[in-house]
PDB file of N, CA and C in Angstrom:
ATOM      1  N   UNK A   1       0.839  -1.170   0.000  1.00  0.00           N
ATOM      2  CA  UNK A   1       0.000   0.000   0.000  1.00  0.00           C
ATOM      3  C   UNK A   1       0.890   1.241   0.000  1.00  0.00           C
ATOM      4  N   UNK A   2       0.546   2.196  -0.811  1.00  0.00           N
ATOM      5  CA  UNK A   2       1.326   3.412  -0.945  1.00  0.00           C
ATOM      6  C   UNK A   2       0.551   4.584  -0.367  1.00  0.00           C
ATOM      7  N   UNK A   3       1.243   5.418   0.356  1.00  0.00           N
ATOM      8  CA  UNK A   3       0.610   6.617   0.909  1.00  0.00           C
ATOM      9  C   UNK A   3       0.584   7.706  -0.146  1.00  0.00           C
ATOM     10  N   UNK A   4      -0.508   8.409  -0.247  1.00  0.00           N
ATOM     11  CA  UNK A   4      -0.638   9.526  -1.180  1.00  0.00           C
ATOM     12  C   UNK A   4      -0.528  10.817  -0.377  1.00  0.00           C
ATOM     13  N   UNK A   5       0.336  11.727  -0.821  1.00  0.00           N
ATOM     14  CA  UNK A   5       0.523  12.992  -0.138  1.00  0.00           C
ATOM     15  C   UNK A   5       0.144  14.120  -1.079  1.00  0.00           C
ATOM     16  N   UNK A   6      -0.527  15.153  -0.564  1.00  0.00           N
ATOM     17  CA  UNK A   6      -0.860  16.284  -1.421  1.00  0.00           C
ATOM     18  C   UNK A   6       0.403  17.053  -1.793  1.00  0.00           C
ATOM     19  N   UNK A   7       0.375  17.664  -2.952  1.00  0.00           N
ATOM     20  CA  UNK A   7       1.512  18.457  -3.421  1.00  0.00           C
ATOM     21  C   UNK A   7       1.457  19.824  -2.747  1.00  0.00           C
ATOM     22  N   UNK A   8       2.416  20.109  -1.864  1.00  0.00           N
ATOM     23  CA  UNK A   8       2.447  21.364  -1.126  1.00  0.00           C
ATOM     24  C   UNK A   8       3.603  22.268  -1.545  1.00  0.00           C
ATOM     25  N   UNK A   9       4.273  21.948  -2.601  1.00  0.00           N
ATOM     26  CA  UNK A   9       5.432  22.728  -3.027  1.00  0.00           C
ATOM     27  C   UNK A   9       4.992  24.063  -3.610  1.00  0.00           C
ATOM     28  N   UNK A  10       5.708  25.105  -3.244  1.00  0.00           N
ATOM     29  CA  UNK A  10       5.404  26.432  -3.772  1.00  0.00           C
ATOM     30  C   UNK A  10       6.006  26.627  -5.157  1.00  0.00           C
ATOM     31  N   UNK A  11       7.134  25.958  -5.430  1.00  0.00           N
ATOM     32  CA  UNK A  11       7.839  26.144  -6.691  1.00  0.00           C
ATOM     33  C   UNK A  11       8.060  24.805  -7.373  1.00  0.00           C
ATOM     34  N   UNK A  12       8.077  24.837  -8.693  1.00  0.00           N
ATOM     35  CA  UNK A  12       8.335  23.632  -9.469  1.00  0.00           C
ATOM     36  C   UNK A  12       9.747  23.135  -9.212  1.00  0.00           C
ATOM     37  N   UNK A  13       9.903  21.826  -9.117  1.00  0.00           N
ATOM     38  CA  UNK A  13      11.227  21.215  -8.996  1.00  0.00           C
ATOM     39  C   UNK A  13      11.678  20.744 -10.361  1.00  0.00           C
ATOM     40  N   UNK A  14      12.963  20.906 -10.616  1.00  0.00           N
ATOM     41  CA  UNK A  14      13.514  20.442 -11.884  1.00  0.00           C
ATOM     42  C   UNK A  14      14.645  19.462 -11.592  1.00  0.00           C
ATOM     43  N   UNK A  15      14.741  18.387 -12.379  1.00  0.00           N
ATOM     44  CA  UNK A  15      15.837  17.443 -12.168  1.00  0.00           C
ATOM     45  C   UNK A  15      17.163  18.094 -12.555  1.00  0.00           C
ATOM     46  N   UNK A  16      18.105  18.065 -11.642  1.00  0.00           N
ATOM     47  CA  UNK A  16      19.416  18.648 -11.885  1.00  0.00           C
ATOM     48  C   UNK A  16      20.402  17.967 -10.944  1.00  0.00           C
ATOM     49  N   UNK A  17      21.457  17.399 -11.501  1.00  0.00           N
ATOM     50  CA  UNK A  17      22.462  16.720 -10.690  1.00  0.00           C
ATOM     51  C   UNK A  17      23.664  17.634 -10.508  1.00  0.00           C
ATOM     52  N   UNK A  18      23.878  18.046  -9.277  1.00  0.00           N
ATOM     53  CA  UNK A  18      25.036  18.853  -8.901  1.00  0.00           C
ATOM     54  C   UNK A  18      25.732  18.173  -7.733  1.00  0.00           C
ATOM     55  N   UNK A  19      27.045  18.174  -7.729  1.00  0.00           N
ATOM     56  CA  UNK A  19      27.773  17.658  -6.576  1.00  0.00           C
ATOM     57  C   UNK A  19      27.661  18.672  -5.443  1.00  0.00           C
ATOM     58  N   UNK A  20      27.413  18.165  -4.235  1.00  0.00           N
ATOM     59  CA  UNK A  20      27.215  19.020  -3.066  1.00  0.00           C
ATOM     60  C   UNK A  20      28.123  18.548  -1.946  1.00  0.00           C
ATOM     61  N   UNK A  21      28.758  19.483  -1.278  1.00  0.00           N
ATOM     62  CA  UNK A  21      29.487  19.205  -0.042  1.00  0.00           C
ATOM     63  C   UNK A  21      28.851  20.052   1.037  1.00  0.00           C
ATOM     64  N   UNK A  22      28.817  19.519   2.248  1.00  0.00           N
ATOM     65  CA  UNK A  22      28.207  20.298   3.305  1.00  0.00           C
ATOM     66  C   UNK A  22      28.530  19.790   4.684  1.00  0.00           C
ATOM     67  N   UNK A  23      27.927  20.464   5.635  1.00  0.00           N
ATOM     68  CA  UNK A  23      28.055  20.039   7.026  1.00  0.00           C
ATOM     69  C   UNK A  23      26.808  20.444   7.784  1.00  0.00           C
ATOM     70  N   UNK A  24      26.439  19.587   8.715  1.00  0.00           N
ATOM     71  CA  UNK A  24      25.337  19.882   9.615  1.00  0.00           C
ATOM     72  C   UNK A  24      25.893  20.741  10.731  1.00  0.00           C
ATOM     73  N   UNK A  25      25.222  21.819  11.031  1.00  0.00           N
ATOM     74  CA  UNK A  25      25.690  22.732  12.069  1.00  0.00           C
ATOM     75  C   UNK A  25      24.996  22.375  13.372  1.00  0.00           C
ATOM     76  N   UNK A  26      25.714  21.803  14.284  1.00  0.00           N
ATOM     77  CA  UNK A  26      25.139  21.428  15.572  1.00  0.00           C
ATOM     78  C   UNK A  26      25.687  22.334  16.663  1.00  0.00           C
ATOM     79  N   UNK A  27      26.924  22.114  17.046  1.00  0.00           N
ATOM     80  CA  UNK A  27      27.576  22.958  18.031  1.00  0.00           C
ATOM     81  C   UNK A  27      28.924  23.368  17.461  1.00  0.00           C
ATOM     82  N   UNK A  28      29.620  24.184  18.173  1.00  0.00           N
ATOM     83  CA  UNK A  28      30.910  24.675  17.695  1.00  0.00           C
ATOM     84  C   UNK A  28      31.898  23.540  17.442  1.00  0.00           C
ATOM     85  N   UNK A  29      31.882  22.509  18.282  1.00  0.00           N
ATOM     86  CA  UNK A  29      32.870  21.439  18.175  1.00  0.00           C
ATOM     87  C   UNK A  29      32.337  20.178  17.509  1.00  0.00           C
ATOM     88  N   UNK A  30      31.077  20.154  17.140  1.00  0.00           N
ATOM     89  CA  UNK A  30      30.505  18.952  16.538  1.00  0.00           C
ATOM     90  C   UNK A  30      29.818  19.313  15.230  1.00  0.00           C
ATOM     91  N   UNK A  31      30.461  18.958  14.137  1.00  0.00           N
ATOM     92  CA  UNK A  31      29.910  19.255  12.810  1.00  0.00           C
ATOM     93  C   UNK A  31      30.028  18.012  11.958  1.00  0.00           C
ATOM     94  N   UNK A  32      28.918  17.499  11.519  1.00  0.00           N
ATOM     95  CA  UNK A  32      28.894  16.310  10.682  1.00  0.00           C
ATOM     96  C   UNK A  32      29.072  16.712   9.225  1.00  0.00           C
ATOM     97  N   UNK A  33      30.150  16.263   8.592  1.00  0.00           N
ATOM     98  CA  UNK A  33      30.401  16.546   7.179  1.00  0.00           C
ATOM     99  C   UNK A  33      29.670  15.528   6.312  1.00  0.00           C
ATOM    100  N   UNK A  34      29.210  15.962   5.152  1.00  0.00           N
ATOM    101  CA  UNK A  34      28.570  15.050   4.209  1.00  0.00           C
ATOM    102  C   UNK A  34      28.853  15.525   2.793  1.00  0.00           C
ATOM    103  N   UNK A  35      28.620  14.628   1.859  1.00  0.00           N
ATOM    104  CA  UNK A  35      28.653  14.991   0.449  1.00  0.00           C
ATOM    105  C   UNK A  35      27.565  14.200  -0.256  1.00  0.00           C
ATOM    106  N   UNK A  36      27.204  14.659  -1.421  1.00  0.00           N
ATOM    107  CA  UNK A  36      26.153  13.984  -2.158  1.00  0.00           C
ATOM    108  C   UNK A  36      25.926  14.627  -3.507  1.00  0.00           C
ATOM    109  N   UNK A  37      24.763  14.312  -4.069  1.00  0.00           N
ATOM    110  CA  UNK A  37      24.369  14.842  -5.373  1.00  0.00           C
ATOM    111  C   UNK A  37      22.919  15.290  -5.280  1.00  0.00           C
ATOM    112  N   UNK A  38      22.631  16.404  -5.924  1.00  0.00           N
ATOM    113  CA  UNK A  38      21.236  16.828  -5.955  1.00  0.00           C
ATOM    114  C   UNK A  38      20.452  15.907  -6.883  1.00  0.00           C
ATOM    115  N   UNK A  39      19.226  15.662  -6.523  1.00  0.00           N
ATOM    116  CA  UNK A  39      18.313  14.908  -7.397  1.00  0.00           C
ATOM    117  C   UNK A  39      17.421  15.876  -8.143  1.00  0.00           C
ATOM    118  N   UNK A  40      16.965  16.900  -7.435  1.00  0.00           N
ATOM    119  CA  UNK A  40      16.192  17.965  -8.057  1.00  0.00           C
ATOM    120  C   UNK A  40      16.383  19.239  -7.244  1.00  0.00           C
ATOM    121  N   UNK A  41      16.045  20.365  -7.867  1.00  0.00           N
ATOM    122  CA  UNK A  41      16.218  21.663  -7.229  1.00  0.00           C
ATOM    123  C   UNK A  41      14.996  22.526  -7.518  1.00  0.00           C
ATOM    124  N   UNK A  42      14.806  23.540  -6.691  1.00  0.00           N
ATOM    125  CA  UNK A  42      13.783  24.554  -6.935  1.00  0.00           C
ATOM    126  C   UNK A  42      14.366  25.893  -6.511  1.00  0.00           C
ATOM    127  N   UNK A  43      13.570  26.945  -6.613  1.00  0.00           N
ATOM    128  CA  UNK A  43      14.060  28.265  -6.239  1.00  0.00           C
ATOM    129  C   UNK A  43      14.426  28.335  -4.761  1.00  0.00           C
ATOM    130  N   UNK A  44      13.711  27.594  -3.938  1.00  0.00           N
ATOM    131  CA  UNK A  44      13.972  27.729  -2.504  1.00  0.00           C
ATOM    132  C   UNK A  44      14.506  26.472  -1.837  1.00  0.00           C
ATOM    133  N   UNK A  45      14.842  25.444  -2.592  1.00  0.00           N
ATOM    134  CA  UNK A  45      15.351  24.251  -1.942  1.00  0.00           C
ATOM    135  C   UNK A  45      15.909  23.228  -2.904  1.00  0.00           C
ATOM    136  N   UNK A  46      16.354  22.113  -2.332  1.00  0.00           N
ATOM    137  CA  UNK A  46      16.917  21.039  -3.130  1.00  0.00           C
ATOM    138  C   UNK A  46      16.786  19.720  -2.398  1.00  0.00           C
ATOM    139  N   UNK A  47      16.764  18.657  -3.178  1.00  0.00           N
ATOM    140  CA  UNK A  47      16.785  17.305  -2.639  1.00  0.00           C
ATOM    141  C   UNK A  47      18.191  16.780  -2.881  1.00  0.00           C
ATOM    142  N   UNK A  48      18.824  16.334  -1.804  1.00  0.00           N
ATOM    143  CA  UNK A  48      20.197  15.836  -1.907  1.00  0.00           C
ATOM    144  C   UNK A  48      20.213  14.353  -1.588  1.00  0.00           C
ATOM    145  N   UNK A  49      20.798  13.572  -2.484  1.00  0.00           N
ATOM    146  CA  UNK A  49      21.063  12.157  -2.241  1.00  0.00           C
ATOM    147  C   UNK A  49      22.397  12.122  -1.500  1.00  0.00           C
ATOM    148  N   UNK A  50      22.353  11.820  -0.196  1.00  0.00           N
ATOM    149  CA  UNK A  50      23.510  11.983   0.692  1.00  0.00           C
ATOM    150  C   UNK A  50      24.222  10.659   0.895  1.00  0.00           C
ATOM    151  N   UNK A  51      25.546  10.721   1.048  1.00  0.00           N
ATOM    152  CA  UNK A  51      26.375   9.527   1.180  1.00  0.00           C
ATOM    153  C   UNK A  51      26.382   8.931   2.580  1.00  0.00           C
ATOM    154  N   UNK A  52      25.695   9.519   3.531  1.00  0.00           N
ATOM    155  CA  UNK A  52      25.747   9.068   4.917  1.00  0.00           C
ATOM    156  C   UNK A  52      24.405   9.328   5.581  1.00  0.00           C
ATOM    157  N   UNK A  53      24.074   8.550   6.580  1.00  0.00           N
ATOM    158  CA  UNK A  53      22.824   8.784   7.302  1.00  0.00           C
ATOM    159  C   UNK A  53      23.070   9.284   8.719  1.00  0.00           C
ATOM    160  N   UNK A  54      24.303   9.461   9.104  1.00  0.00           N
ATOM    161  CA  UNK A  54      24.623   9.863  10.475  1.00  0.00           C
ATOM    162  C   UNK A  54      24.337  11.336  10.708  1.00  0.00           C
ATOM    163  N   UNK A  55      23.623  11.623  11.779  1.00  0.00           N
ATOM    164  CA  UNK A  55      23.523  12.985  12.267  1.00  0.00           C
ATOM    165  C   UNK A  55      22.486  13.886  11.658  1.00  0.00           C
ATOM    166  N   UNK A  56      21.642  13.434  10.762  1.00  0.00           N
ATOM    167  CA  UNK A  56      20.657  14.323  10.157  1.00  0.00           C
ATOM    168  C   UNK A  56      19.367  14.331  10.975  1.00  0.00           C
ATOM    169  N   UNK A  57      18.836  15.540  11.199  1.00  0.00           N
ATOM    170  CA  UNK A  57      17.581  15.691  11.930  1.00  0.00           C
ATOM    171  C   UNK A  57      16.744  16.763  11.239  1.00  0.00           C
ATOM    172  N   UNK A  58      15.444  16.565  11.195  1.00  0.00           N
ATOM    173  CA  UNK A  58      14.552  17.582  10.649  1.00  0.00           C
ATOM    174  C   UNK A  58      14.685  18.834  11.509  1.00  0.00           C
ATOM    175  N   UNK A  59      14.795  19.984  10.867  1.00  0.00           N
ATOM    176  CA  UNK A  59      14.951  21.251  11.557  1.00  0.00           C
ATOM    177  C   UNK A  59      16.399  21.677  11.739  1.00  0.00           C
ATOM    178  N   UNK A  60      17.313  20.780  11.462  1.00  0.00           N
ATOM    179  CA  UNK A  60      18.734  21.064  11.647  1.00  0.00           C
ATOM    180  C   UNK A  60      19.232  22.038  10.575  1.00  0.00           C
ATOM    181  N   UNK A  61      20.134  22.909  10.957  1.00  0.00           N
ATOM    182  CA  UNK A  61      20.736  23.844  10.004  1.00  0.00           C
ATOM    183  C   UNK A  61      21.910  23.156   9.320  1.00  0.00           C
ATOM    184  N   UNK A  62      22.064  23.439   8.020  1.00  0.00           N
ATOM    185  CA  UNK A  62      23.174  22.894   7.249  1.00  0.00           C
ATOM    186  C   UNK A  62      23.829  24.014   6.451  1.00  0.00           C
ATOM    187  N   UNK A  63      25.091  23.803   6.175  1.00  0.00           N
ATOM    188  CA  UNK A  63      25.851  24.704   5.311  1.00  0.00           C
ATOM    189  C   UNK A  63      26.285  23.872   4.119  1.00  0.00           C
ATOM    190  N   UNK A  64      25.996  24.343   2.901  1.00  0.00           N
ATOM    191  CA  UNK A  64      26.325  23.567   1.705  1.00  0.00           C
ATOM    192  C   UNK A  64      27.070  24.435   0.702  1.00  0.00           C
ATOM    193  N   UNK A  65      27.777  23.739  -0.202  1.00  0.00           N
ATOM    194  CA  UNK A  65      28.386  24.427  -1.337  1.00  0.00           C
ATOM    195  C   UNK A  65      28.301  23.512  -2.545  1.00  0.00           C
ATOM    196  N   UNK A  66      28.113  24.133  -3.704  1.00  0.00           N
ATOM    197  CA  UNK A  66      27.998  23.408  -4.962  1.00  0.00           C
ATOM    198  C   UNK A  66      28.470  24.309  -6.096  1.00  0.00           C
ATOM    199  N   UNK A  67      28.718  23.703  -7.228  1.00  0.00           N
ATOM    200  CA  UNK A  67      29.079  24.453  -8.434  1.00  0.00           C
ATOM    201  C   UNK A  67      27.951  24.268  -9.447  1.00  0.00           C
ATOM    202  N   UNK A  68      27.527  25.360 -10.058  1.00  0.00           N
ATOM    203  CA  UNK A  68      26.488  25.258 -11.080  1.00  0.00           C
ATOM    204  C   UNK A  68      27.024  24.644 -12.362  1.00  0.00           C
ATOM    205  N   UNK A  69      28.276  24.925 -12.676  1.00  0.00           N
ATOM    206  CA  UNK A  69      28.902  24.386 -13.876  1.00  0.00           C
ATOM    207  C   UNK A  69      30.291  23.885 -13.507  1.00  0.00           C
ATOM    208  N   UNK A  70      30.784  22.823 -14.155  1.00  0.00           N
ATOM    209  CA  UNK A  70      32.143  22.339 -13.851  1.00  0.00           C
ATOM    210  C   UNK A  70      33.168  23.460 -14.028  1.00  0.00           C
ATOM    211  N   UNK A  71      34.071  23.581 -13.055  1.00  0.00           N
ATOM    212  CA  UNK A  71      35.097  24.603 -13.110  1.00  0.00           C
ATOM    213  C   UNK A  71      34.652  25.971 -12.635  1.00  0.00           C
ATOM    214  N   UNK A  72      33.370  26.136 -12.363  1.00  0.00           N
ATOM    215  CA  UNK A  72      32.833  27.400 -11.890  1.00  0.00           C
ATOM    216  C   UNK A  72      33.159  27.573 -10.399  1.00  0.00           C
ATOM    217  N   UNK A  73      32.939  28.755  -9.863  1.00  0.00           N
ATOM    218  CA  UNK A  73      33.164  28.988  -8.444  1.00  0.00           C
ATOM    219  C   UNK A  73      32.060  28.333  -7.619  1.00  0.00           C
ATOM    220  N   UNK A  74      32.333  28.117  -6.335  1.00  0.00           N
ATOM    221  CA  UNK A  74      31.351  27.498  -5.457  1.00  0.00           C
ATOM    222  C   UNK A  74      30.248  28.481  -5.103  1.00  0.00           C
ATOM    223  N   UNK A  75      29.021  28.019  -5.147  1.00  0.00           N
ATOM    224  CA  UNK A  75      27.894  28.735  -4.566  1.00  0.00           C
ATOM    225  C   UNK A  75      27.740  28.203  -3.148  1.00  0.00           C
ATOM    226  N   UNK A  76      27.689  29.085  -2.177  1.00  0.00           N
ATOM    227  CA  UNK A  76      27.578  28.675  -0.791  1.00  0.00           C
ATOM    228  C   UNK A  76      26.221  29.096  -0.260  1.00  0.00           C
ATOM    229  N   UNK A  77      25.631  28.226   0.576  1.00  0.00           N
ATOM    230  CA  UNK A  77      24.300  28.503   1.092  1.00  0.00           C
ATOM    231  C   UNK A  77      24.133  27.939   2.489  1.00  0.00           C
ATOM    232  N   UNK A  78      23.186  28.524   3.195  1.00  0.00           N
ATOM    233  CA  UNK A  78      22.714  27.984   4.462  1.00  0.00           C
ATOM    234  C   UNK A  78      21.304  27.464   4.220  1.00  0.00           C
ATOM    235  N   UNK A  79      20.946  26.425   4.928  1.00  0.00           N
ATOM    236  CA  UNK A  79      19.623  25.858   4.764  1.00  0.00           C
ATOM    237  C   UNK A  79      19.173  25.136   6.014  1.00  0.00           C
ATOM    238  N   UNK A  80      17.952  24.612   5.931  1.00  0.00           N
ATOM    239  CA  UNK A  80      17.364  23.869   7.038  1.00  0.00           C
ATOM    240  C   UNK A  80      16.813  22.558   6.492  1.00  0.00           C
ATOM    241  N   UNK A  81      17.107  21.462   7.185  1.00  0.00           N
ATOM    242  CA  UNK A  81      16.605  20.146   6.776  1.00  0.00           C
ATOM    243  C   UNK A  81      15.100  20.113   7.016  1.00  0.00           C
ATOM    244  N   UNK A  82      14.335  19.838   5.957  1.00  0.00           N
ATOM    245  CA  UNK A  82      12.872  19.783   6.057  1.00  0.00           C
ATOM    246  C   UNK A  82      12.352  18.357   6.138  1.00  0.00           C
ATOM    247  N   UNK A  83      13.056  17.426   5.516  1.00  0.00           N
ATOM    248  CA  UNK A  83      12.641  16.025   5.562  1.00  0.00           C
ATOM    249  C   UNK A  83      13.836  15.131   5.259  1.00  0.00           C
ATOM    250  N   UNK A  84      13.708  13.890   5.722  1.00  0.00           N
ATOM    251  CA  UNK A  84      14.744  12.874   5.503  1.00  0.00           C
ATOM    252  C   UNK A  84      14.036  11.595   5.101  1.00  0.00           C
ATOM    253  N   UNK A  85      14.558  10.923   4.083  1.00  0.00           N
ATOM    254  CA  UNK A  85      13.956   9.679   3.604  1.00  0.00           C
ATOM    255  C   UNK A  85      15.056   8.646   3.424  1.00  0.00           C
ATOM    256  N   UNK A  86      14.917   7.516   4.092  1.00  0.00           N
ATOM    257  CA  UNK A  86      15.890   6.437   3.939  1.00  0.00           C
ATOM    258  C   UNK A  86      15.765   5.773   2.580  1.00  0.00           C
ATOM    259  N   UNK A  87      16.883   5.283   2.057  1.00  0.00           N
ATOM    260  CA  UNK A  87      16.910   4.580   0.777  1.00  0.00           C
ATOM    261  C   UNK A  87      17.375   3.150   0.991  1.00  0.00           C
ATOM    262  N   UNK A  88      17.184   2.309   0.008  1.00  0.00           N
ATOM    263  CA  UNK A  88      17.609   0.908   0.093  1.00  0.00           C
ATOM    264  C   UNK A  88      19.027   0.701  -0.424  1.00  0.00           C
ATOM    265  N   UNK A  89      19.652   1.755  -0.905  1.00  0.00           N
ATOM    266  CA  UNK A  89      20.998   1.670  -1.467  1.00  0.00           C
ATOM    267  C   UNK A  89      22.027   1.970  -0.375  1.00  0.00           C
ATOM    268  N   UNK A  90      22.876   0.991   0.012  1.00  0.00           N
ATOM    269  CA  UNK A  90      23.839   1.249   1.091  1.00  0.00           C
ATOM    270  C   UNK A  90      24.875   2.311   0.754  1.00  0.00           C
ATOM    271  N   UNK A  91      25.141   2.555  -0.526  1.00  0.00           N
ATOM    272  CA  UNK A  91      26.104   3.597  -0.894  1.00  0.00           C
ATOM    273  C   UNK A  91      25.512   4.998  -0.759  1.00  0.00           C
ATOM    274  N   UNK A  92      24.210   5.103  -0.931  1.00  0.00           N
ATOM    275  CA  UNK A  92      23.509   6.384  -0.796  1.00  0.00           C
ATOM    276  C   UNK A  92      22.296   6.159   0.101  1.00  0.00           C
ATOM    277  N   UNK A  93      22.487   6.141   1.413  1.00  0.00           N
ATOM    278  CA  UNK A  93      21.395   5.716   2.296  1.00  0.00           C
ATOM    279  C   UNK A  93      20.275   6.727   2.521  1.00  0.00           C
ATOM    280  N   UNK A  94      20.449   8.003   2.177  1.00  0.00           N
ATOM    281  CA  UNK A  94      19.457   9.001   2.568  1.00  0.00           C
ATOM    282  C   UNK A  94      19.216  10.022   1.456  1.00  0.00           C
ATOM    283  N   UNK A  95      17.952  10.381   1.267  1.00  0.00           N
ATOM    284  CA  UNK A  95      17.574  11.586   0.535  1.00  0.00           C
ATOM    285  C   UNK A  95      17.216  12.618   1.591  1.00  0.00           C
ATOM    286  N   UNK A  96      17.653  13.846   1.397  1.00  0.00           N
ATOM    287  CA  UNK A  96      17.408  14.889   2.382  1.00  0.00           C
ATOM    288  C   UNK A  96      16.885  16.125   1.667  1.00  0.00           C
ATOM    289  N   UNK A  97      15.758  16.645   2.114  1.00  0.00           N
ATOM    290  CA  UNK A  97      15.209  17.879   1.567  1.00  0.00           C
ATOM    291  C   UNK A  97      15.718  19.067   2.359  1.00  0.00           C
ATOM    292  N   UNK A  98      16.295  20.047   1.669  1.00  0.00           N
ATOM    293  CA  UNK A  98      16.852  21.222   2.332  1.00  0.00           C
ATOM    294  C   UNK A  98      16.181  22.472   1.786  1.00  0.00           C
ATOM    295  N   UNK A  99      15.658  23.287   2.682  1.00  0.00           N
ATOM    296  CA  UNK A  99      15.106  24.590   2.301  1.00  0.00           C
ATOM    297  C   UNK A  99      16.217  25.617   2.443  1.00  0.00           C
ATOM    298  N   UNK A 100      16.466  26.371   1.382  1.00  0.00           N
ATOM    299  CA  UNK A 100      17.506  27.396   1.408  1.00  0.00           C
ATOM    300  C   UNK A 100      17.042  28.567   2.257  1.00  0.00           C
ATOM    301  N   UNK A 101      17.900  29.006   3.175  1.00  0.00           N
ATOM    302  CA  UNK A 101      17.572  30.163   4.009  1.00  0.00           C
ATOM    303  C   UNK A 101      18.438  31.368   3.669  1.00  0.00           C
ATOM    304  N   UNK A 102      19.599  31.128   3.073  1.00  0.00           N
ATOM    305  CA  UNK A 102      20.487  32.220   2.669  1.00  0.00           C
ATOM    306  C   UNK A 102      21.472  31.662   1.635  1.00  0.00           C
ATOM    307  N   UNK A 103      21.666  32.390   0.538  1.00  0.00           N
ATOM    308  CA  UNK A 103      22.597  31.930  -0.490  1.00  0.00           C
ATOM    309  C   UNK A 103      23.282  33.120  -1.137  1.00  0.00           C
ATOM    310  N   UNK A 104      24.616  33.034  -1.199  1.00  0.00           N
ATOM    311  CA  UNK A 104      25.357  34.025  -1.967  1.00  0.00           C
ATOM    312  C   UNK A 104      25.095  33.755  -3.445  1.00  0.00           C
ATOM    313  N   UNK A 105      25.013  34.787  -4.236  1.00  0.00           N
ATOM    314  CA  UNK A 105      24.793  34.666  -5.693  1.00  0.00           C
ATOM    315  C   UNK A 105      23.488  33.949  -6.006  1.00  0.00           C
ATOM    316  N   UNK A 106      22.436  34.264  -5.265  1.00  0.00           N
ATOM    317  CA  UNK A 106      21.136  33.626  -5.463  1.00  0.00           C
ATOM    318  C   UNK A 106      20.613  33.847  -6.887  1.00  0.00           C
ATOM    319  N   UNK A 107      20.929  34.979  -7.486  1.00  0.00           N
ATOM    320  CA  UNK A 107      20.489  35.263  -8.853  1.00  0.00           C
ATOM    321  C   UNK A 107      20.984  34.232  -9.858  1.00  0.00           C
ATOM    322  N   UNK A 108      22.211  33.754  -9.690  1.00  0.00           N
ATOM    323  CA  UNK A 108      22.730  32.703 -10.566  1.00  0.00           C
ATOM    324  C   UNK A 108      21.966  31.401 -10.375  1.00  0.00           C
ATOM    325  N   UNK A 109      21.634  31.079  -9.147  1.00  0.00           N
ATOM    326  CA  UNK A 109      20.856  29.880  -8.831  1.00  0.00           C
ATOM    327  C   UNK A 109      19.514  29.926  -9.566  1.00  0.00           C
ATOM    328  N   UNK A 110      18.813  31.054  -9.441  1.00  0.00           N
ATOM    329  CA  UNK A 110      17.511  31.219 -10.088  1.00  0.00           C
ATOM    330  C   UNK A 110      17.651  31.132 -11.605  1.00  0.00           C
ATOM    331  N   UNK A 111      18.678  31.758 -12.163  1.00  0.00           N
ATOM    332  CA  UNK A 111      18.897  31.722 -13.611  1.00  0.00           C
ATOM    333  C   UNK A 111      19.089  30.286 -14.107  1.00  0.00           C
ATOM    334  N   UNK A 112      19.872  29.503 -13.389  1.00  0.00           N
ATOM    335  CA  UNK A 112      20.111  28.107 -13.805  1.00  0.00           C
ATOM    336  C   UNK A 112      18.819  27.296 -13.751  1.00  0.00           C
ATOM    337  N   UNK A 113      18.027  27.501 -12.718  1.00  0.00           N
ATOM    338  CA  UNK A 113      16.756  26.774 -12.600  1.00  0.00           C
ATOM    339  C   UNK A 113      15.806  27.189 -13.712  1.00  0.00           C
ATOM    340  N   UNK A 114      15.738  28.486 -13.994  1.00  0.00           N
ATOM    341  CA  UNK A 114      14.862  28.938 -15.074  1.00  0.00           C
ATOM    342  C   UNK A 114      15.274  28.371 -16.415  1.00  0.00           C
ATOM    343  N   UNK A 115      16.574  28.306 -16.677  1.00  0.00           N
ATOM    344  CA  UNK A 115      17.062  27.689 -17.919  1.00  0.00           C
ATOM    345  C   UNK A 115      16.639  26.231 -17.994  1.00  0.00           C
ATOM    346  N   UNK A 116      16.701  25.538 -16.886  1.00  0.00           N
ATOM    347  CA  UNK A 116      16.318  24.124 -16.849  1.00  0.00           C
ATOM    348  C   UNK A 116      14.810  23.965 -17.075  1.00  0.00           C
ATOM    349  N   UNK A 117      14.006  24.871 -16.519  1.00  0.00           N
ATOM    350  CA  UNK A 117      12.548  24.811 -16.702  1.00  0.00           C
ATOM    351  C   UNK A 117      12.202  25.029 -18.172  1.00  0.00           C
ATOM    352  N   UNK A 118      12.852  25.992 -18.809  1.00  0.00           N
ATOM    353  CA  UNK A 118      12.581  26.289 -20.217  1.00  0.00           C
ATOM    354  C   UNK A 118      12.917  25.087 -21.098  1.00  0.00           C
ATOM    355  N   UNK A 119      14.006  24.395 -20.781  1.00  0.00           N
ATOM    356  CA  UNK A 119      14.441  23.249 -21.585  1.00  0.00           C
ATOM    357  C   UNK A 119      13.610  21.992 -21.338  1.00  0.00           C
ATOM    358  N   UNK A 120      12.902  21.942 -20.222  1.00  0.00           N
ATOM    359  CA  UNK A 120      12.149  20.705 -19.940  1.00  0.00           C
ATOM    360  C   UNK A 120      10.725  20.753 -20.412  1.00  0.00           C
TER     361      UNK A 120
END
């Protein structure tokens, strides 16, 4: 039996694979590092297929960085974990939804998403 959930997203998500590095911000001396790949993105968030399941909690603040294009500079952002979903793949055990709360160069992020929407 499958659960049906209403669509509550404010913005359309587009499939886009970007490499992401980040860390969960807990305390000054305890920071869980992670890396992964985006599965999809929107104007205000992203779904990250994460390489580890340790230390993630809904509501937790995260700091991430990614490149929009290979060889480009890093876009850095702060976000909040909105949901976590376990996977059956031991190499990629978790999907994590992150809502962006602050991002340098946000205009570039929006431009890339809009280009992807136009092409899809």
